Amino acid sequence: MARMASTLLKRPSEQVQLHLQQWRGIRVKVLNGSLERALTVMQRKMQSSGIERLIKNEQTHHIKNSEKRVLARKNLERKIRSQELARKLQAILIKKVRGL
């Protein structure tokens, strides 16, 4: 990565595409040698796609069973909340469409 960054800084006028091949793949364009900006864009894309969370989860070596249960319960609660919110929004949209 450092070698690639040094070559990018030598050629600031060219447009270069960096590829971070993960499960889904992320592409970031480096325009006019602004490597810092491209790295911040890549970090935002990683956060929004969930890759960063997967990487952090892989770095943890050992999770106790009690922690696994807590995490599973929190994930389930988050999923149920989002489903309930989706149902409420769908009902609101249906009422608006029907004109009630």
PDB file of N, CA and C in Angstrom:
ATOM      1  N   MET A   1       0.822  -1.185   0.000  1.00  0.00           N
ATOM      2  CA  MET A   1       0.000   0.000   0.000  1.00  0.00           C
ATOM      3  C   MET A   1       0.871   1.256   0.000  1.00  0.00           C
ATOM      4  N   ALA A   2       1.972   1.208   0.757  1.00  0.00           N
ATOM      5  CA  ALA A   2       2.858   2.367   0.820  1.00  0.00           C
ATOM      6  C   ALA A   2       3.524   2.601  -0.535  1.00  0.00           C
ATOM      7  N   ARG A   3       3.905   1.508  -1.211  1.00  0.00           N
ATOM      8  CA  ARG A   3       4.500   1.644  -2.531  1.00  0.00           C
ATOM      9  C   ARG A   3       3.516   2.273  -3.502  1.00  0.00           C
ATOM     10  N   MET A   4       2.245   1.826  -3.425  1.00  0.00           N
ATOM     11  CA  MET A   4       1.209   2.367  -4.302  1.00  0.00           C
ATOM     12  C   MET A   4       0.969   3.843  -3.993  1.00  0.00           C
ATOM     13  N   ALA A   5       0.994   4.197  -2.715  1.00  0.00           N
ATOM     14  CA  ALA A   5       0.771   5.589  -2.325  1.00  0.00           C
ATOM     15  C   ALA A   5       1.895   6.472  -2.830  1.00  0.00           C
ATOM     16  N   SER A   6       3.141   6.000  -2.755  1.00  0.00           N
ATOM     17  CA  SER A   6       4.261   6.819  -3.224  1.00  0.00           C
ATOM     18  C   SER A   6       4.198   7.014  -4.733  1.00  0.00           C
ATOM     19  N   THR A   7       3.775   5.997  -5.487  1.00  0.00           N
ATOM     20  CA  THR A   7       3.656   6.167  -6.932  1.00  0.00           C
ATOM     21  C   THR A   7       2.504   7.105  -7.275  1.00  0.00           C
ATOM     22  N   LEU A   8       1.441   7.092  -6.446  1.00  0.00           N
ATOM     23  CA  LEU A   8       0.326   8.003  -6.700  1.00  0.00           C
ATOM     24  C   LEU A   8       0.733   9.444  -6.467  1.00  0.00           C
ATOM     25  N   LEU A   9       1.548   9.672  -5.452  1.00  0.00           N
ATOM     26  CA  LEU A   9       1.964  11.040  -5.166  1.00  0.00           C
ATOM     27  C   LEU A   9       2.917  11.576  -6.230  1.00  0.00           C
ATOM     28  N   LYS A  10       3.622  10.696  -6.924  1.00  0.00           N
ATOM     29  CA  LYS A  10       4.524  11.136  -7.980  1.00  0.00           C
ATOM     30  C   LYS A  10       3.752  11.572  -9.221  1.00  0.00           C
ATOM     31  N   ARG A  11       2.557  11.017  -9.425  1.00  0.00           N
ATOM     32  CA  ARG A  11       1.770  11.334 -10.616  1.00  0.00           C
ATOM     33  C   ARG A  11       0.461  11.998 -10.192  1.00  0.00           C
ATOM     34  N   PRO A  12       0.463  13.268  -9.800  1.00  0.00           N
ATOM     35  CA  PRO A  12      -0.756  13.879  -9.267  1.00  0.00           C
ATOM     36  C   PRO A  12      -1.805  14.198 -10.325  1.00  0.00           C
ATOM     37  N   SER A  13      -1.434  14.324 -11.584  1.00  0.00           N
ATOM     38  CA  SER A  13      -2.410  14.745 -12.583  1.00  0.00           C
ATOM     39  C   SER A  13      -3.246  13.595 -13.126  1.00  0.00           C
ATOM     40  N   GLU A  14      -2.831  12.377 -12.882  1.00  0.00           N
ATOM     41  CA  GLU A  14      -3.553  11.233 -13.428  1.00  0.00           C
ATOM     42  C   GLU A  14      -4.662  10.783 -12.497  1.00  0.00           C
ATOM     43  N   GLN A  15      -5.649  10.168 -13.086  1.00  0.00           N
ATOM     44  CA  GLN A  15      -6.700   9.560 -12.286  1.00  0.00           C
ATOM     45  C   GLN A  15      -6.377   8.086 -12.145  1.00  0.00           C
ATOM     46  N   VAL A  16      -6.359   7.624 -10.914  1.00  0.00           N
ATOM     47  CA  VAL A  16      -5.986   6.240 -10.632  1.00  0.00           C
ATOM     48  C   VAL A  16      -7.090   5.632  -9.789  1.00  0.00           C
ATOM     49  N   GLN A  17      -7.403   4.392 -10.065  1.00  0.00           N
ATOM     50  CA  GLN A  17      -8.403   3.694  -9.266  1.00  0.00           C
ATOM     51  C   GLN A  17      -7.713   2.718  -8.337  1.00  0.00           C
ATOM     52  N   LEU A  18      -8.056   2.833  -7.052  1.00  0.00           N
ATOM     53  CA  LEU A  18      -7.575   1.858  -6.082  1.00  0.00           C
ATOM     54  C   LEU A  18      -8.661   0.819  -5.895  1.00  0.00           C
ATOM     55  N   HIS A  19      -8.269  -0.403  -5.781  1.00  0.00           N
ATOM     56  CA  HIS A  19      -9.244  -1.464  -5.581  1.00  0.00           C
ATOM     57  C   HIS A  19      -8.951  -2.152  -4.259  1.00  0.00           C
ATOM     58  N   LEU A  20      -9.942  -2.195  -3.409  1.00  0.00           N
ATOM     59  CA  LEU A  20      -9.845  -2.973  -2.192  1.00  0.00           C
ATOM     60  C   LEU A  20     -10.782  -4.143  -2.383  1.00  0.00           C
ATOM     61  N   GLN A  21     -10.216  -5.280  -2.694  1.00  0.00           N
ATOM     62  CA  GLN A  21     -11.038  -6.447  -2.976  1.00  0.00           C
ATOM     63  C   GLN A  21     -11.392  -7.139  -1.674  1.00  0.00           C
ATOM     64  N   GLN A  22     -12.632  -7.072  -1.319  1.00  0.00           N
ATOM     65  CA  GLN A  22     -13.157  -7.763  -0.155  1.00  0.00           C
ATOM     66  C   GLN A  22     -14.303  -8.622  -0.648  1.00  0.00           C
ATOM     67  N   TRP A  23     -15.254  -8.884   0.211  1.00  0.00           N
ATOM     68  CA  TRP A  23     -16.378  -9.709  -0.184  1.00  0.00           C
ATOM     69  C   TRP A  23     -17.188  -9.024  -1.271  1.00  0.00           C
ATOM     70  N   ARG A  24     -17.457  -7.759  -1.105  1.00  0.00           N
ATOM     71  CA  ARG A  24     -18.266  -7.029  -2.085  1.00  0.00           C
ATOM     72  C   ARG A  24     -17.391  -6.224  -3.029  1.00  0.00           C
ATOM     73  N   GLY A  25     -16.273  -5.756  -2.547  1.00  0.00           N
ATOM     74  CA  GLY A  25     -15.374  -4.950  -3.353  1.00  0.00           C
ATOM     75  C   GLY A  25     -15.695  -3.473  -3.227  1.00  0.00           C
ATOM     76  N   ILE A  26     -14.673  -2.664  -3.058  1.00  0.00           N
ATOM     77  CA  ILE A  26     -14.843  -1.220  -2.946  1.00  0.00           C
ATOM     78  C   ILE A  26     -13.878  -0.575  -3.924  1.00  0.00           C
ATOM     79  N   ARG A  27     -14.353   0.406  -4.646  1.00  0.00           N
ATOM     80  CA  ARG A  27     -13.500   1.161  -5.558  1.00  0.00           C
ATOM     81  C   ARG A  27     -13.488   2.608  -5.117  1.00  0.00           C
ATOM     82  N   VAL A  28     -12.290   3.178  -5.105  1.00  0.00           N
ATOM     83  CA  VAL A  28     -12.132   4.572  -4.723  1.00  0.00           C
ATOM     84  C   VAL A  28     -11.266   5.238  -5.785  1.00  0.00           C
ATOM     85  N   LYS A  29     -11.718   6.364  -6.302  1.00  0.00           N
ATOM     86  CA  LYS A  29     -10.931   7.103  -7.285  1.00  0.00           C
ATOM     87  C   LYS A  29     -10.067   8.131  -6.570  1.00  0.00           C
ATOM     88  N   VAL A  30      -8.793   8.172  -6.948  1.00  0.00           N
ATOM     89  CA  VAL A  30      -7.878   9.181  -6.431  1.00  0.00           C
ATOM     90  C   VAL A  30      -7.731  10.225  -7.521  1.00  0.00           C
ATOM     91  N   LEU A  31      -8.251  11.406  -7.268  1.00  0.00           N
ATOM     92  CA  LEU A  31      -8.222  12.463  -8.262  1.00  0.00           C
ATOM     93  C   LEU A  31      -7.163  13.493  -7.903  1.00  0.00           C
ATOM     94  N   ASN A  32      -6.329  13.833  -8.854  1.00  0.00           N
ATOM     95  CA  ASN A  32      -5.303  14.868  -8.699  1.00  0.00           C
ATOM     96  C   ASN A  32      -4.410  14.644  -7.482  1.00  0.00           C
ATOM     97  N   GLY A  33      -4.125  13.400  -7.199  1.00  0.00           N
ATOM     98  CA  GLY A  33      -3.184  13.084  -6.135  1.00  0.00           C
ATOM     99  C   GLY A  33      -3.684  13.334  -4.725  1.00  0.00           C
ATOM    100  N   SER A  34      -4.981  13.508  -4.538  1.00  0.00           N
ATOM    101  CA  SER A  34      -5.506  13.747  -3.189  1.00  0.00           C
ATOM    102  C   SER A  34      -5.748  12.414  -2.497  1.00  0.00           C
ATOM    103  N   LEU A  35      -4.675  11.814  -2.021  1.00  0.00           N
ATOM    104  CA  LEU A  35      -4.728  10.491  -1.420  1.00  0.00           C
ATOM    105  C   LEU A  35      -5.470  10.500  -0.087  1.00  0.00           C
ATOM    106  N   GLU A  36      -5.291  11.565   0.703  1.00  0.00           N
ATOM    107  CA  GLU A  36      -5.968  11.639   1.997  1.00  0.00           C
ATOM    108  C   GLU A  36      -7.481  11.649   1.808  1.00  0.00           C
ATOM    109  N   ARG A  37      -7.944  12.397   0.835  1.00  0.00           N
ATOM    110  CA  ARG A  37      -9.387  12.466   0.562  1.00  0.00           C
ATOM    111  C   ARG A  37      -9.906  11.096   0.114  1.00  0.00           C
ATOM    112  N   ALA A  38      -9.143  10.419  -0.726  1.00  0.00           N
ATOM    113  CA  ALA A  38      -9.549   9.095  -1.199  1.00  0.00           C
ATOM    114  C   ALA A  38      -9.610   8.101  -0.041  1.00  0.00           C
ATOM    115  N   LEU A  39      -8.683   8.209   0.891  1.00  0.00           N
ATOM    116  CA  LEU A  39      -8.697   7.308   2.046  1.00  0.00           C
ATOM    117  C   LEU A  39      -9.901   7.567   2.943  1.00  0.00           C
ATOM    118  N   THR A  40     -10.283   8.840   3.111  1.00  0.00           N
ATOM    119  CA  THR A  40     -11.475   9.126   3.920  1.00  0.00           C
ATOM    120  C   THR A  40     -12.731   8.624   3.234  1.00  0.00           C
ATOM    121  N   VAL A  41     -12.786   8.736   1.914  1.00  0.00           N
ATOM    122  CA  VAL A  41     -13.935   8.218   1.164  1.00  0.00           C
ATOM    123  C   VAL A  41     -13.994   6.700   1.300  1.00  0.00           C
ATOM    124  N   MET A  42     -12.823   6.046   1.220  1.00  0.00           N
ATOM    125  CA  MET A  42     -12.784   4.599   1.363  1.00  0.00           C
ATOM    126  C   MET A  42     -13.241   4.177   2.759  1.00  0.00           C
ATOM    127  N   GLN A  43     -12.835   4.925   3.775  1.00  0.00           N
ATOM    128  CA  GLN A  43     -13.239   4.594   5.133  1.00  0.00           C
ATOM    129  C   GLN A  43     -14.750   4.734   5.290  1.00  0.00           C
ATOM    130  N   ARG A  44     -15.332   5.798   4.721  1.00  0.00           N
ATOM    131  CA  ARG A  44     -16.791   5.975   4.784  1.00  0.00           C
ATOM    132  C   ARG A  44     -17.514   4.840   4.080  1.00  0.00           C
ATOM    133  N   LYS A  45     -16.995   4.436   2.911  1.00  0.00           N
ATOM    134  CA  LYS A  45     -17.621   3.342   2.181  1.00  0.00           C
ATOM    135  C   LYS A  45     -17.531   2.035   2.954  1.00  0.00           C
ATOM    136  N   MET A  46     -16.400   1.817   3.612  1.00  0.00           N
ATOM    137  CA  MET A  46     -16.244   0.601   4.407  1.00  0.00           C
ATOM    138  C   MET A  46     -17.207   0.596   5.584  1.00  0.00           C
ATOM    139  N   GLN A  47     -17.403   1.762   6.211  1.00  0.00           N
ATOM    140  CA  GLN A  47     -18.334   1.841   7.334  1.00  0.00           C
ATOM    141  C   GLN A  47     -19.760   1.600   6.888  1.00  0.00           C
ATOM    142  N   SER A  48     -20.138   2.211   5.764  1.00  0.00           N
ATOM    143  CA  SER A  48     -21.524   2.086   5.318  1.00  0.00           C
ATOM    144  C   SER A  48     -21.848   0.688   4.807  1.00  0.00           C
ATOM    145  N   SER A  49     -20.865  -0.014   4.243  1.00  0.00           N
ATOM    146  CA  SER A  49     -21.135  -1.350   3.719  1.00  0.00           C
ATOM    147  C   SER A  49     -21.004  -2.437   4.782  1.00  0.00           C
ATOM    148  N   GLY A  50     -20.464  -2.093   5.945  1.00  0.00           N
ATOM    149  CA  GLY A  50     -20.351  -3.079   7.014  1.00  0.00           C
ATOM    150  C   GLY A  50     -19.065  -3.877   6.989  1.00  0.00           C
ATOM    151  N   ILE A  51     -18.184  -3.606   6.049  1.00  0.00           N
ATOM    152  CA  ILE A  51     -16.929  -4.349   5.967  1.00  0.00           C
ATOM    153  C   ILE A  51     -16.066  -4.061   7.188  1.00  0.00           C
ATOM    154  N   GLU A  52     -16.075  -2.811   7.630  1.00  0.00           N
ATOM    155  CA  GLU A  52     -15.264  -2.444   8.786  1.00  0.00           C
ATOM    156  C   GLU A  52     -15.701  -3.227  10.025  1.00  0.00           C
ATOM    157  N   ARG A  53     -17.010  -3.402  10.195  1.00  0.00           N
ATOM    158  CA  ARG A  53     -17.531  -4.157  11.333  1.00  0.00           C
ATOM    159  C   ARG A  53     -17.092  -5.620  11.238  1.00  0.00           C
ATOM    160  N   LEU A  54     -17.122  -6.181  10.023  1.00  0.00           N
ATOM    161  CA  LEU A  54     -16.684  -7.569   9.844  1.00  0.00           C
ATOM    162  C   LEU A  54     -15.208  -7.732  10.177  1.00  0.00           C
ATOM    163  N   ILE A  55     -14.402  -6.768   9.761  1.00  0.00           N
ATOM    164  CA  ILE A  55     -12.968  -6.838  10.039  1.00  0.00           C
ATOM    165  C   ILE A  55     -12.722  -6.761  11.542  1.00  0.00           C
ATOM    166  N   LYS A  56     -13.428  -5.854  12.223  1.00  0.00           N
ATOM    167  CA  LYS A  56     -13.262  -5.741  13.670  1.00  0.00           C
ATOM    168  C   LYS A  56     -13.704  -7.022  14.371  1.00  0.00           C
ATOM    169  N   ASN A  57     -14.787  -7.626  13.903  1.00  0.00           N
ATOM    170  CA  ASN A  57     -15.251  -8.868  14.520  1.00  0.00           C
ATOM    171  C   ASN A  57     -14.260 -10.003  14.318  1.00  0.00           C
ATOM    172  N   GLU A  58     -13.586 -10.029  13.170  1.00  0.00           N
ATOM    173  CA  GLU A  58     -12.600 -11.074  12.909  1.00  0.00           C
ATOM    174  C   GLU A  58     -11.364 -10.896  13.773  1.00  0.00           C
ATOM    175  N   GLN A  59     -11.066  -9.664  14.176  1.00  0.00           N
ATOM    176  CA  GLN A  59      -9.872  -9.411  14.953  1.00  0.00           C
ATOM    177  C   GLN A  59     -10.017  -9.859  16.402  1.00  0.00           C
ATOM    178  N   THR A  60     -11.241  -9.988  16.887  1.00  0.00           N
ATOM    179  CA  THR A  60     -11.417 -10.449  18.262  1.00  0.00           C
ATOM    180  C   THR A  60     -11.096 -11.932  18.302  1.00  0.00           C
ATOM    181  N   HIS A  61     -10.254 -12.319  19.236  1.00  0.00           N
ATOM    182  CA  HIS A  61      -9.780 -13.699  19.272  1.00  0.00           C
ATOM    183  C   HIS A  61     -10.773 -14.634  19.939  1.00  0.00           C
ATOM    184  N   HIS A  62     -11.311 -14.172  21.060  1.00  0.00           N
ATOM    185  CA  HIS A  62     -12.196 -15.072  21.787  1.00  0.00           C
ATOM    186  C   HIS A  62     -13.322 -14.266  22.406  1.00  0.00           C
ATOM    187  N   ILE A  63     -14.544 -14.722  22.198  1.00  0.00           N
ATOM    188  CA  ILE A  63     -15.708 -14.092  22.788  1.00  0.00           C
ATOM    189  C   ILE A  63     -16.365 -15.129  23.689  1.00  0.00           C
ATOM    190  N   LYS A  64     -16.629 -14.718  24.910  1.00  0.00           N
ATOM    191  CA  LYS A  64     -17.266 -15.645  25.850  1.00  0.00           C
ATOM    192  C   LYS A  64     -18.699 -15.927  25.390  1.00  0.00           C
ATOM    193  N   ASN A  65     -19.227 -17.069  25.819  1.00  0.00           N
ATOM    194  CA  ASN A  65     -20.584 -17.449  25.441  1.00  0.00           C
ATOM    195  C   ASN A  65     -21.605 -16.432  25.932  1.00  0.00           C
ATOM    196  N   SER A  66     -21.382 -15.879  27.126  1.00  0.00           N
ATOM    197  CA  SER A  66     -22.324 -14.891  27.650  1.00  0.00           C
ATOM    198  C   SER A  66     -22.321 -13.640  26.773  1.00  0.00           C
ATOM    199  N   GLU A  67     -21.131 -13.244  26.287  1.00  0.00           N
ATOM    200  CA  GLU A  67     -21.054 -12.091  25.388  1.00  0.00           C
ATOM    201  C   GLU A  67     -21.735 -12.395  24.064  1.00  0.00           C
ATOM    202  N   LYS A  68     -21.598 -13.619  23.586  1.00  0.00           N
ATOM    203  CA  LYS A  68     -22.262 -14.002  22.340  1.00  0.00           C
ATOM    204  C   LYS A  68     -23.773 -13.894  22.486  1.00  0.00           C
ATOM    205  N   ARG A  69     -24.285 -14.356  23.641  1.00  0.00           N
ATOM    206  CA  ARG A  69     -25.729 -14.269  23.877  1.00  0.00           C
ATOM    207  C   ARG A  69     -26.188 -12.821  23.920  1.00  0.00           C
ATOM    208  N   VAL A  70     -25.425 -11.965  24.582  1.00  0.00           N
ATOM    209  CA  VAL A  70     -25.782 -10.545  24.670  1.00  0.00           C
ATOM    210  C   VAL A  70     -25.778  -9.920  23.284  1.00  0.00           C
ATOM    211  N   LEU A  71     -24.737 -10.200  22.498  1.00  0.00           N
ATOM    212  CA  LEU A  71     -24.664  -9.652  21.141  1.00  0.00           C
ATOM    213  C   LEU A  71     -25.805 -10.164  20.274  1.00  0.00           C
ATOM    214  N   ALA A  72     -26.129 -11.450  20.403  1.00  0.00           N
ATOM    215  CA  ALA A  72     -27.220 -12.017  19.624  1.00  0.00           C
ATOM    216  C   ALA A  72     -28.546 -11.368  20.005  1.00  0.00           C
ATOM    217  N   ARG A  73     -28.756 -11.140  21.316  1.00  0.00           N
ATOM    218  CA  ARG A  73     -30.002 -10.506  21.769  1.00  0.00           C
ATOM    219  C   ARG A  73     -30.098  -9.079  21.248  1.00  0.00           C
ATOM    220  N   LYS A  74     -28.970  -8.334  21.307  1.00  0.00           N
ATOM    221  CA  LYS A  74     -28.978  -6.959  20.805  1.00  0.00           C
ATOM    222  C   LYS A  74     -29.246  -6.921  19.298  1.00  0.00           C
ATOM    223  N   ASN A  75     -28.632  -7.849  18.559  1.00  0.00           N
ATOM    224  CA  ASN A  75     -28.871  -7.897  17.118  1.00  0.00           C
ATOM    225  C   ASN A  75     -30.327  -8.223  16.814  1.00  0.00           C
ATOM    226  N   LEU A  76     -30.907  -9.144  17.584  1.00  0.00           N
ATOM    227  CA  LEU A  76     -32.306  -9.496  17.387  1.00  0.00           C
ATOM    228  C   LEU A  76     -33.210  -8.307  17.701  1.00  0.00           C
ATOM    229  N   GLU A  77     -32.921  -7.605  18.800  1.00  0.00           N
ATOM    230  CA  GLU A  77     -33.719  -6.424  19.146  1.00  0.00           C
ATOM    231  C   GLU A  77     -33.623  -5.363  18.065  1.00  0.00           C
ATOM    232  N   ARG A  78     -32.417  -5.149  17.527  1.00  0.00           N
ATOM    233  CA  ARG A  78     -32.219  -4.167  16.461  1.00  0.00           C
ATOM    234  C   ARG A  78     -33.016  -4.567  15.218  1.00  0.00           C
ATOM    235  N   LYS A  79     -32.991  -5.854  14.900  1.00  0.00           N
ATOM    236  CA  LYS A  79     -33.716  -6.351  13.731  1.00  0.00           C
ATOM    237  C   LYS A  79     -35.224  -6.171  13.910  1.00  0.00           C
ATOM    238  N   ILE A  80     -35.729  -6.501  15.102  1.00  0.00           N
ATOM    239  CA  ILE A  80     -37.166  -6.366  15.370  1.00  0.00           C
ATOM    240  C   ILE A  80     -37.583  -4.895  15.312  1.00  0.00           C
ATOM    241  N   ARG A  81     -36.757  -4.001  15.897  1.00  0.00           N
ATOM    242  CA  ARG A  81     -37.075  -2.569  15.846  1.00  0.00           C
ATOM    243  C   ARG A  81     -37.146  -2.064  14.412  1.00  0.00           C
ATOM    244  N   SER A  82     -36.198  -2.487  13.585  1.00  0.00           N
ATOM    245  CA  SER A  82     -36.198  -2.015  12.201  1.00  0.00           C
ATOM    246  C   SER A  82     -37.396  -2.574  11.437  1.00  0.00           C
ATOM    247  N   GLN A  83     -37.775  -3.821  11.725  1.00  0.00           N
ATOM    248  CA  GLN A  83     -38.953  -4.392  11.058  1.00  0.00           C
ATOM    249  C   GLN A  83     -40.228  -3.671  11.484  1.00  0.00           C
ATOM    250  N   GLU A  84     -40.336  -3.344  12.781  1.00  0.00           N
ATOM    251  CA  GLU A  84     -41.504  -2.612  13.261  1.00  0.00           C
ATOM    252  C   GLU A  84     -41.580  -1.233  12.630  1.00  0.00           C
ATOM    253  N   LEU A  85     -40.435  -0.564  12.538  1.00  0.00           N
ATOM    254  CA  LEU A  85     -40.407   0.749  11.913  1.00  0.00           C
ATOM    255  C   LEU A  85     -40.799   0.653  10.443  1.00  0.00           C
ATOM    256  N   ALA A  86     -40.327  -0.381   9.753  1.00  0.00           N
ATOM    257  CA  ALA A  86     -40.676  -0.564   8.342  1.00  0.00           C
ATOM    258  C   ALA A  86     -42.178  -0.787   8.185  1.00  0.00           C
ATOM    259  N   ARG A  87     -42.770  -1.572   9.091  1.00  0.00           N
ATOM    260  CA  ARG A  87     -44.222  -1.790   9.030  1.00  0.00           C
ATOM    261  C   ARG A  87     -44.992  -0.500   9.259  1.00  0.00           C
ATOM    262  N   LYS A  88     -44.559   0.302  10.231  1.00  0.00           N
ATOM    263  CA  LYS A  88     -45.228   1.573  10.508  1.00  0.00           C
ATOM    264  C   LYS A  88     -45.144   2.519   9.310  1.00  0.00           C
ATOM    265  N   LEU A  89     -43.939   2.598   8.730  1.00  0.00           N
ATOM    266  CA  LEU A  89     -43.769   3.468   7.562  1.00  0.00           C
ATOM    267  C   LEU A  89     -44.605   2.988   6.386  1.00  0.00           C
ATOM    268  N   GLN A  90     -44.682   1.686   6.209  1.00  0.00           N
ATOM    269  CA  GLN A  90     -45.487   1.140   5.118  1.00  0.00           C
ATOM    270  C   GLN A  90     -46.954   1.476   5.330  1.00  0.00           C
ATOM    271  N   ALA A  91     -47.441   1.366   6.567  1.00  0.00           N
ATOM    272  CA  ALA A  91     -48.837   1.704   6.849  1.00  0.00           C
ATOM    273  C   ALA A  91     -49.102   3.178   6.594  1.00  0.00           C
ATOM    274  N   ILE A  92     -48.166   4.042   6.970  1.00  0.00           N
ATOM    275  CA  ILE A  92     -48.322   5.478   6.734  1.00  0.00           C
ATOM    276  C   ILE A  92     -48.368   5.765   5.245  1.00  0.00           C
ATOM    277  N   LEU A  93     -47.474   5.137   4.482  1.00  0.00           N
ATOM    278  CA  LEU A  93     -47.450   5.369   3.036  1.00  0.00           C
ATOM    279  C   LEU A  93     -48.719   4.865   2.367  1.00  0.00           C
ATOM    280  N   ILE A  94     -49.222   3.735   2.810  1.00  0.00           N
ATOM    281  CA  ILE A  94     -50.456   3.198   2.226  1.00  0.00           C
ATOM    282  C   ILE A  94     -51.615   4.152   2.489  1.00  0.00           C
ATOM    283  N   LYS A  95     -51.682   4.701   3.716  1.00  0.00           N
ATOM    284  CA  LYS A  95     -52.752   5.654   4.043  1.00  0.00           C
ATOM    285  C   LYS A  95     -52.646   6.898   3.174  1.00  0.00           C
ATOM    286  N   LYS A  96     -51.422   7.377   2.945  1.00  0.00           N
ATOM    287  CA  LYS A  96     -51.238   8.579   2.124  1.00  0.00           C
ATOM    288  C   LYS A  96     -51.650   8.309   0.676  1.00  0.00           C
ATOM    289  N   VAL A  97     -51.278   7.144   0.171  1.00  0.00           N
ATOM    290  CA  VAL A  97     -51.599   6.807  -1.217  1.00  0.00           C
ATOM    291  C   VAL A  97     -53.092   6.682  -1.408  1.00  0.00           C
ATOM    292  N   ARG A  98     -53.759   6.063  -0.442  1.00  0.00           N
ATOM    293  CA  ARG A  98     -55.203   5.884  -0.540  1.00  0.00           C
ATOM    294  C   ARG A  98     -55.980   7.149  -0.252  1.00  0.00           C
ATOM    295  N   GLY A  99     -55.294   8.134   0.334  1.00  0.00           N
ATOM    296  CA  GLY A  99     -55.939   9.417   0.591  1.00  0.00           C
ATOM    297  C   GLY A  99     -56.806   9.431   1.828  1.00  0.00           C
ATOM    298  N   LEU A 100     -56.463   8.632   2.818  1.00  0.00           N
ATOM    299  CA  LEU A 100     -57.255   8.592   4.054  1.00  0.00           C
ATOM    300  C   LEU A 100     -56.746   9.555   5.070  1.00  0.00           C
TER     301      LEU A 100
END
